[in-house]
């Protein structure tokens, strides 16, 4: 599963919404036994903060 863009409107930023979206995406991917290709810069940085999810990352296309 490629996550290629994460966007939260400016008015809602700073509330942890992007993190919640990312965590839910990882939950859904795990349920479906999918790996995630982090094409989005936010997700690339997210993985650095959530080392426990590194096993779900792939860079293969």
C-alpha atoms as a PDB file:
ATOM      1  CA  UNK A   1       0.000   0.000   0.000  1.00  0.00           C
ATOM      2  CA  UNK A   2       1.458   3.339  -1.012  1.00  0.00           C
ATOM      3  CA  UNK A   3       0.840   6.346   1.176  1.00  0.00           C
ATOM      4  CA  UNK A   4       1.749   9.118  -1.225  1.00  0.00           C
ATOM      5  CA  UNK A   5       0.131  12.151   0.360  1.00  0.00           C
ATOM      6  CA  UNK A   6      -1.015  13.139   3.829  1.00  0.00           C
ATOM      7  CA  UNK A   7      -2.908  16.391   4.108  1.00  0.00           C
ATOM      8  CA  UNK A   8      -4.707  18.205   6.901  1.00  0.00           C
ATOM      9  CA  UNK A   9      -6.262  21.605   6.170  1.00  0.00           C
ATOM     10  CA  UNK A  10      -4.346  24.427   7.829  1.00  0.00           C
ATOM     11  CA  UNK A  11      -7.239  25.300  10.139  1.00  0.00           C
ATOM     12  CA  UNK A  12      -7.015  21.807  11.711  1.00  0.00           C
ATOM     13  CA  UNK A  13      -3.233  21.474  11.920  1.00  0.00           C
ATOM     14  CA  UNK A  14      -1.444  21.095  15.226  1.00  0.00           C
ATOM     15  CA  UNK A  15      -4.125  18.827  16.697  1.00  0.00           C
ATOM     16  CA  UNK A  16      -2.495  15.483  15.943  1.00  0.00           C
ATOM     17  CA  UNK A  17      -4.931  14.666  13.150  1.00  0.00           C
ATOM     18  CA  UNK A  18      -2.241  13.605  10.659  1.00  0.00           C
ATOM     19  CA  UNK A  19      -0.767  11.247  13.240  1.00  0.00           C
ATOM     20  CA  UNK A  20      -4.185   9.712  13.898  1.00  0.00           C
ATOM     21  CA  UNK A  21      -4.733   9.267  10.151  1.00  0.00           C
ATOM     22  CA  UNK A  22      -1.326   7.639   9.772  1.00  0.00           C
ATOM     23  CA  UNK A  23      -1.860   5.303  12.723  1.00  0.00           C
ATOM     24  CA  UNK A  24      -5.228   4.228  11.331  1.00  0.00           C
ATOM     25  CA  UNK A  25      -3.702   3.591   7.912  1.00  0.00           C
ATOM     26  CA  UNK A  26      -1.089   1.350   9.532  1.00  0.00           C
ATOM     27  CA  UNK A  27      -3.782  -0.478  11.511  1.00  0.00           C
ATOM     28  CA  UNK A  28      -5.782  -1.144   8.345  1.00  0.00           C
ATOM     29  CA  UNK A  29      -2.676  -2.268   6.471  1.00  0.00           C
ATOM     30  CA  UNK A  30      -1.753  -4.668   9.276  1.00  0.00           C
ATOM     31  CA  UNK A  31      -5.287  -6.111   9.325  1.00  0.00           C
ATOM     32  CA  UNK A  32      -5.043  -6.773   5.581  1.00  0.00           C
ATOM     33  CA  UNK A  33      -1.445  -8.042   5.855  1.00  0.00           C
ATOM     34  CA  UNK A  34      -0.122  -5.264   3.618  1.00  0.00           C
ATOM     35  CA  UNK A  35       3.203  -3.483   3.651  1.00  0.00           C
ATOM     36  CA  UNK A  36       3.367   0.283   3.319  1.00  0.00           C
ATOM     37  CA  UNK A  37       5.523   2.175   0.851  1.00  0.00           C
ATOM     38  CA  UNK A  38       6.088   5.602   2.445  1.00  0.00           C
ATOM     39  CA  UNK A  39       6.073   7.876  -0.605  1.00  0.00           C
ATOM     40  CA  UNK A  40       4.805  10.770   1.537  1.00  0.00           C
ATOM     41  CA  UNK A  41       7.339  12.897   3.425  1.00  0.00           C
ATOM     42  CA  UNK A  42       5.067  13.008   6.479  1.00  0.00           C
ATOM     43  CA  UNK A  43       4.928   9.207   6.616  1.00  0.00           C
ATOM     44  CA  UNK A  44       8.696   8.960   6.171  1.00  0.00           C
ATOM     45  CA  UNK A  45       9.146  11.174   9.248  1.00  0.00           C
ATOM     46  CA  UNK A  46       6.321   9.404  11.075  1.00  0.00           C
ATOM     47  CA  UNK A  47       8.203   6.110  10.800  1.00  0.00           C
ATOM     48  CA  UNK A  48      11.252   7.679  12.466  1.00  0.00           C
ATOM     49  CA  UNK A  49       9.076   8.448  15.499  1.00  0.00           C
ATOM     50  CA  UNK A  50       7.251   5.098  15.466  1.00  0.00           C
ATOM     51  CA  UNK A  51      10.035   2.514  15.232  1.00  0.00           C
ATOM     52  CA  UNK A  52       7.546  -0.202  16.232  1.00  0.00           C
ATOM     53  CA  UNK A  53       5.989   0.101  12.766  1.00  0.00           C
ATOM     54  CA  UNK A  54       9.225  -0.301  10.777  1.00  0.00           C
ATOM     55  CA  UNK A  55       8.405  -3.954  10.073  1.00  0.00           C
ATOM     56  CA  UNK A  56       5.529  -2.761   7.887  1.00  0.00           C
ATOM     57  CA  UNK A  57       7.662  -0.637   5.561  1.00  0.00           C
ATOM     58  CA  UNK A  58       8.778  -1.550   2.066  1.00  0.00           C
ATOM     59  CA  UNK A  59      10.557   0.515  -0.556  1.00  0.00           C
ATOM     60  CA  UNK A  60       9.802  -1.865  -3.429  1.00  0.00           C
ATOM     61  CA  UNK A  61       7.580  -0.582  -6.216  1.00  0.00           C
END
